[in-house]
Every structure is written in structure tokens, then in C-alpha cells.
């Protein structure tokens, strides 16, 4: 059996493996007969046994039994794991109130938005629209016996994230995900006139378009605001195809001092901090109130209209895996500063696998740019267009990658993100899992030149989930299916049960690993499970509804 490797701070701060459940005899009953403490910490299940086959090819997981009575949340909603709403902030394991953990009330539907949302008009063109225009423009020129080098260079710059057009808000957001070392920010402390620490602030800039959320930040360091609330000010530019509801899903852990020395904090609660509609061609500035820094795990920015691909994560920069903080993995792979020079930039891009659609586009445009033959340019543009079509859709595997017919889901890690294909194709929904038990097999393929990882988290199926109020206050809102909600989260695979690594590509053959999970609890209605790369989180997420 492959032994779990020790986690110092915990990559997802999953929690200690034993002794973390409250005494059920002290908890009050809900209407299903289960005793619970919501809005205090829900009971925490025991260990999920995880072991690896002797040949190292497959990891097996059997989750702890569900804490709620068996039900079918999909055919007989909402299921026994639904928790009645409590109009209150959450409380930690010491019984202390956690400020800014009630996202919505009847009186204040956007309870965690600090002040007004500032909206202005911007240019709506996205990398997708501009690359599409370049392909048409350069292709027309090549057919006429000309080489449009200006357009070809523009395409290379868009993919690399170099400044292209003055009015494009996507300048600096590369399609190739090599600039992780440049995406670390610290929450700046705020002091009162008397010198008392009263809060903190950090600014995040994101662009939303098509199936993408790209961010100038992937890691937040909250160490300067350990015991005070703080704020995140988002500047969200909604480009072509990016209309959605702004919904940062904040994941919190319990007070670290409840855990033994050296052990990670325990899983506690997660919630939609907002659910606010945004239109194409607008810049939206949100100031979101956060709880104390000691509770911060991560923020899962997700767009429900094209989910799972439309997602981006702001992780805690202080987390440690095997003695290294998360930003250290970025620096080891891509260099200390990939933008320091052209040489550093190309060295970082070289770490991205050749099967990545963005990398294939980049190579094709560069080859076209280097050619003096219009017919050759046309061939390269055809290759670029095929890669462009693959890049636009992460819910199917790109060219050259085969789905495992014996798996429920095949995930392909490449370009520091994840492409996924469910059996039968289509949107990532696992309709087979409606009640316990359910076996799910996931085949993991790695096309990058560095190790990726796999972790799986349950958002409330095992420990309970809650909806609050429909609060978009607009006919443009999402209706009753995705209201504000809180969930009590818990790890399913990876994390404290042992790291699950996928080896890098070798001789053009993707690295491979398989995970077989037995779910012994019922899913939550909102999301069946959350999958991600713990080393390189950012946009490497593929959740299943």
C-alpha cells in the first residue's frame, strides 16, 4: 500500500483525521432525526480509507458512511442532507461567531457586498473574438499569396498575454498558463488612527469570457489579517460570451488552534458570498466582506452558466504540501519570474505540454510567422484553427486524447488546466449517482512536463447543505436553482487520505493514473463533487453536477 505523505499545513486544510467530530449526544435534533449544530460545525465523518494498487496505477477510495439517513435528493428533493436555513453568521469550534459568514438575509439580500456595485462600459472583444478575426484575416491574405505578419504576431501576443491593443482589457491575461509565480498577492493590513489593526484589503482583476475566467491572482496570503475581517475588491471585466452571475464561493476552515500542533485546520463551511448578474461589455467592481484571515481556505470563483469550465480559484498562499508552499511549486516549474525576460518566458512556456490546444495554436502561429511561403502559412493556419476549436471547449477531450471507455470520466491535465469528458459526452453531469452507494471511476491523464495532482471534495452531501434566499433581485437572475447557500464540506479523495499524483508526459504519451471512488453518502443537489489539482489550482478544476 502506498502510504500517505505528511501534510504540514494541509493543501486544502482538510482537517485532522480523528477526534474532530463533536459529541453527537450534545447536539440538537433536526426534523430528520439527525443531531446537528448548524450554524456551528456539523459532525465530521471518519477517515475515508484510500489505498493504491501494487503496480501503482490505481488509487481506491471508500468514503466514510453518510451522516444523514439515506435519501434520493434528485428524485425526491431536497434530500435528508438539506439543512433548514438559519439566519445567522457561522460559529467556529470554540463557539466564537465568524463575522461575514451570512451571505443573504431578507432585509439585506447582498449582505456580503460592501457598498454599491460600480458598473461601467468597456470594449467587449475577447481573445476568442480577436483570434477568430485573425484566423479569417490571415487566411484570406494567404489565399491571395500574401503573408499578414502583423495579424500573426498579434495572435502570438494574445496567446502569450503580451499587450496587443490599447483598449483590450485582456492584455496581460495569457491563454498559456505559465505565469503562476506572478500571481501572488498579500492582504494589506489596515490600521485605525490609534494604530490598531482593524482589517485588510486585496485587489483582484479578472476577465470572464466564453468558458473562461482568467485572474491576475491565483494565491492570497492572509497572514497579516489573521484575527480580523478583511475585504476583496474584484474588478470583473465581462467580455464576449461572458455574461454570468458573479458568485465567489468562499471556503473556510475552523480555528487552527483547535487542531494539534502541526496538523491542518479542520474543514468547516463554504458559501456563495454573492450572486449578482453581470452583462457583456461591462466592468463590475465588487467589494466583498471576508471573515477573519485564520479561517481562509480559498475562494472558488465560478460561473454557473458554463460550469464546470468557467471557474477560477484564489488559494491560500500559506498552504504547504510536503514542506513547500503552493507558490513554490509554481516557481519550481515556471521559474521565479517568467516575465523577467524573453528567455524566461519561453522557458516557462516550454513546461506546457505540446498536446495543449493553446500550445498547439501558439506553435502554429509562430510557424506561420516564420514562413515565407503563403501556402505553408495556410497549412499552419488550418492547424491553428483546429487547435482553436479544441481550446474553446474543455468539456470534451482535445484531438489526440482518447477517453477511457471503462471510466465514468476522463480528465486530461494540460496547460495547467483540466479538460474533461463524461462518458457519453455532453455537459459534466453524473446522473447515475442519486443515492448511496455509488462507484465512480475517473481516469487521469497528464500532458504537461511536470507532475499534476488530484483531489476530490464533497460540498455538503455528507455533512449537509443549506439554501437561503433568492436574491438576484432581477429578471436576469438565475431563478431558484442556484440561490445563496452554505455547505459543510469534506474531503473525498486525496488530501489527508494521501496525495494522488499523475506523472508527466513522456515521449509524447500522457502520464496516467486511475481513481476508483465508492461514495457511501448521498450527493447534494447543487454539486455532486469538486475535482482539482492541489499543486496548481487556479483554473485546474473540473466539477461534476
Foldseek 3Di string as FASTA:
>chain_A
DDAFDAFQAFLLLAADQDPPFDDQVPFDADPQGGGADPLEFGGDFHDWAWDADPVRFEIETEGGFFRFPWDFCPVDHNDRQADEDDQAAHAFPVRHGWPLRRCADPVRGRVFWDDDKDKDFAAQADLLNLVVVLLVVQLVQLVVFHGPLLSLVLNLCQQLQDDRDPRDPSRNFHVQQLFQLQAEEEWAFDADPVGHTAETEDEKEWEFAQLEITISHAEYADVVQQAHKYKYKYWYAYHYHGWFWWWWKFFWFHQQVVDPNSRHTHGGKIWTNGGATDDRRMIIITIGIGTTPRTGAKIWTAGVVNPDQHIFIHGYQPTDDPRDGLSVLSCVQQNNGCPPDPVSVVSSSQQFFCQQLSNQLSVLSVVLSPDPGSVSNSVSSVSNVLSSVQSSALQDHHPPDDDDQVFQKEWEQTSLAIRMYGVVGDGQADVVARIPWDKGKYKYWYRGQAKWWKWKKAFRQRRHKYADDARNPDPPGDPDLDGIMMTRMHTRDAIPSHIGIFHQDDPRGTTIHMYMYTHNTGHRSNFRMKMATSSRGTSHIHTHD
